[in-house]
Amino acid sequence: MKIGIAADHGGFALKEKLKAILQNHYTIRDYGAGVYNAADDYPDFVYPLAKAVSNGEIERGVAICGSGIGACIVANKVPGVRAALINESYSAHQGVEHDDMNIICLGARVIGDTYAEELVNTFLKATYSGEGRHERRLNKLKNIEIKYKP
């Protein structure tokens, strides 16, 4: 599986730790930040990650900022992206199984490194169920995206 990862200064250290672990099991593409810069902005890194997910260049993404909220907001601006801020394990798999979530957003200042690793692993191992009720809901989301696509 091809995975993308991105973080601003608030999530930079966690991104580097997760990338080192994940590259042992997945093909990883790093969308930045490449170096720690306290003045950088999360949209500069999360937006390219989200575009890559939307375009099918990568299958799933991990977006990290201080709280995870900004990363989630930016990612969800891109059609085809279903990103969620995850702080517990149930939603890490249920978001994929029921909603075909394709980007997990994490707050590096909210959760610890070990728990972040567990959440990402849970997210990456989950698969979309494709059940009728979930497919019906996903199609409604896709229709909303089409309605508002520029």
Protein backbone atom coordinates (compact mmCIF):
# COMPACT_ATOMS: atom_id res chain seq x y z
CA MET A 1 0.00 0.00 0.00
CA LYS A 2 1.25 3.50 -0.87
CA ILE A 3 0.92 5.88 2.06
CA GLY A 4 1.45 9.63 2.19
CA ILE A 5 2.38 11.56 5.29
CA ALA A 6 2.48 15.30 5.97
CA ALA A 7 2.91 17.61 8.94
CA ASP A 8 3.63 21.19 9.84
CA HIS A 9 5.94 22.23 12.68
CA GLY A 10 3.37 21.13 15.27
CA GLY A 11 3.45 17.56 13.99
CA PHE A 12 6.94 17.39 12.52
CA ALA A 13 8.56 15.25 15.23
CA LEU A 14 5.64 12.79 15.25
CA LYS A 15 5.68 12.61 11.44
CA GLU A 16 9.34 11.68 11.45
CA LYS A 17 8.79 8.94 14.06
CA LEU A 18 5.79 7.48 12.26
CA LYS A 19 7.53 7.62 8.89
CA ALA A 20 10.49 5.66 10.25
CA ILE A 21 8.16 2.95 11.54
CA LEU A 22 5.77 2.82 8.58
CA GLN A 23 8.46 2.61 5.91
CA ASN A 24 9.26 -0.88 7.16
CA HIS A 25 5.81 -2.05 6.01
CA TYR A 26 4.58 0.41 3.39
CA THR A 27 5.76 2.59 0.54
CA ILE A 28 5.83 6.08 2.06
CA ARG A 29 5.75 9.43 0.31
CA ASP A 30 6.59 12.38 2.51
CA TYR A 31 4.78 15.60 1.59
CA GLY A 32 6.69 17.66 4.14
CA ALA A 33 7.66 19.47 6.09
CA GLY A 34 11.15 18.31 5.25
CA VAL A 35 12.71 20.24 8.10
CA TYR A 36 11.40 21.75 11.29
CA ASN A 37 10.33 25.36 10.75
CA ALA A 38 8.30 26.98 13.52
CA ALA A 39 6.84 29.46 11.00
CA ASP A 40 5.45 26.96 8.47
CA ASP A 41 1.74 26.44 7.77
CA TYR A 42 -0.16 23.13 7.65
CA PRO A 43 -2.03 23.85 4.37
CA ASP A 44 1.31 23.90 2.51
CA PHE A 45 1.85 20.21 3.32
CA VAL A 46 -1.59 18.73 3.90
CA TYR A 47 -3.11 20.08 0.68
CA PRO A 48 -0.58 18.27 -1.58
CA LEU A 49 -1.14 15.09 0.45
CA ALA A 50 -4.90 15.39 0.04
CA LYS A 51 -4.56 16.03 -3.71
CA ALA A 52 -2.43 12.89 -4.02
CA VAL A 53 -5.10 10.82 -2.27
CA SER A 54 -7.81 12.35 -4.44
CA ASN A 55 -5.83 11.68 -7.63
CA GLY A 56 -5.08 8.07 -6.63
CA GLU A 57 -1.31 8.63 -6.44
CA ILE A 58 -1.42 7.19 -2.92
CA GLU A 59 -4.04 5.04 -1.25
CA ARG A 60 -4.17 6.63 2.18
CA GLY A 61 -2.74 9.57 4.04
CA VAL A 62 -1.59 10.59 7.49
CA ALA A 63 -1.89 14.31 8.22
CA ILE A 64 -0.50 15.77 11.43
CA CYS A 65 -0.51 19.20 13.02
CA GLY A 66 -0.57 20.38 16.62
CA SER A 67 -4.25 19.62 17.25
CA GLY A 68 -5.09 17.74 14.04
CA ILE A 69 -8.01 20.09 13.43
CA GLY A 70 -6.38 22.34 10.84
CA ALA A 71 -5.02 19.35 8.95
CA CYS A 72 -8.49 17.81 8.87
CA ILE A 73 -10.14 20.99 7.63
CA VAL A 74 -7.66 21.42 4.79
CA ALA A 75 -7.79 17.78 3.71
CA ASN A 76 -11.58 17.81 3.49
CA LYS A 77 -11.52 20.75 1.06
CA VAL A 78 -10.28 18.36 -1.64
CA PRO A 79 -12.96 16.37 -3.51
CA GLY A 80 -12.64 12.63 -2.96
CA VAL A 81 -10.97 13.02 0.41
CA ARG A 82 -12.63 11.74 3.54
CA ALA A 83 -10.44 12.83 6.41
CA ALA A 84 -11.16 12.62 10.13
CA LEU A 85 -9.48 13.73 13.31
CA ILE A 86 -8.90 10.52 15.25
CA ASN A 87 -8.12 10.31 18.96
CA GLU A 88 -9.34 6.79 19.74
CA SER A 89 -9.08 3.38 18.13
CA TYR A 90 -12.74 2.62 17.36
CA SER A 91 -13.04 5.51 14.92
CA ALA A 92 -9.65 4.70 13.39
CA HIS A 93 -11.10 1.51 11.89
CA GLN A 94 -14.82 2.33 11.80
CA GLY A 95 -14.14 5.46 9.71
CA VAL A 96 -12.60 3.25 7.03
CA GLU A 97 -15.07 0.38 7.35
CA HIS A 98 -18.23 2.51 7.15
CA ASP A 99 -17.17 5.80 5.54
CA ASP A 100 -14.18 4.84 3.39
CA MET A 101 -12.02 7.35 5.28
CA ASN A 102 -8.78 7.81 3.38
CA ILE A 103 -6.85 10.29 5.53
CA ILE A 104 -6.31 10.05 9.26
CA CYS A 105 -5.60 13.35 11.01
CA LEU A 106 -3.70 13.42 14.27
CA GLY A 107 -2.91 16.07 16.84
CA ALA A 108 0.70 15.67 17.91
CA ARG A 109 0.10 17.87 20.95
CA VAL A 110 -2.97 15.83 21.92
CA ILE A 111 -1.88 12.18 21.77
CA GLY A 112 1.36 10.40 22.55
CA ASP A 113 3.68 8.90 19.96
CA THR A 114 2.96 5.27 20.87
CA TYR A 115 -0.79 5.77 20.75
CA ALA A 116 -0.47 7.64 17.44
CA GLU A 117 1.35 4.63 16.01
CA GLU A 118 -1.45 2.34 17.21
CA LEU A 119 -4.12 4.57 15.67
CA VAL A 120 -2.32 4.76 12.32
CA ASN A 121 -1.81 0.99 12.23
CA THR A 122 -5.49 0.44 13.01
CA PHE A 123 -6.45 2.87 10.23
CA LEU A 124 -4.13 1.26 7.68
CA LYS A 125 -5.28 -2.29 8.42
CA ALA A 126 -8.98 -1.47 8.14
CA THR A 127 -10.92 -2.04 4.93
CA TYR A 128 -14.09 -0.48 3.56
CA SER A 129 -17.06 -2.84 3.97
CA GLY A 130 -18.92 -1.83 0.81
CA GLU A 131 -22.21 -2.75 2.51
CA GLY A 132 -25.31 -1.34 0.85
CA ARG A 133 -26.08 1.22 3.56
CA HIS A 134 -22.47 2.44 3.59
CA GLU A 135 -22.32 2.58 -0.20
CA ARG A 136 -25.60 4.55 -0.27
CA ARG A 137 -24.19 7.10 2.18
CA LEU A 138 -20.87 7.34 0.36
CA ASN A 139 -22.70 8.00 -2.92
CA LYS A 140 -24.62 10.84 -1.24
CA LEU A 141 -21.29 12.37 -0.18
CA LYS A 142 -19.96 12.04 -3.71
CA ASN A 143 -23.06 13.77 -5.08
CA ILE A 144 -22.53 16.67 -2.68
CA GLU A 145 -18.95 17.00 -3.93
CA ILE A 146 -20.15 17.05 -7.54
CA LYS A 147 -22.76 19.70 -6.71
CA TYR A 148 -20.16 22.05 -5.26
CA LYS A 149 -17.22 21.25 -7.50
CA PRO A 150 -15.89 24.41 -9.17
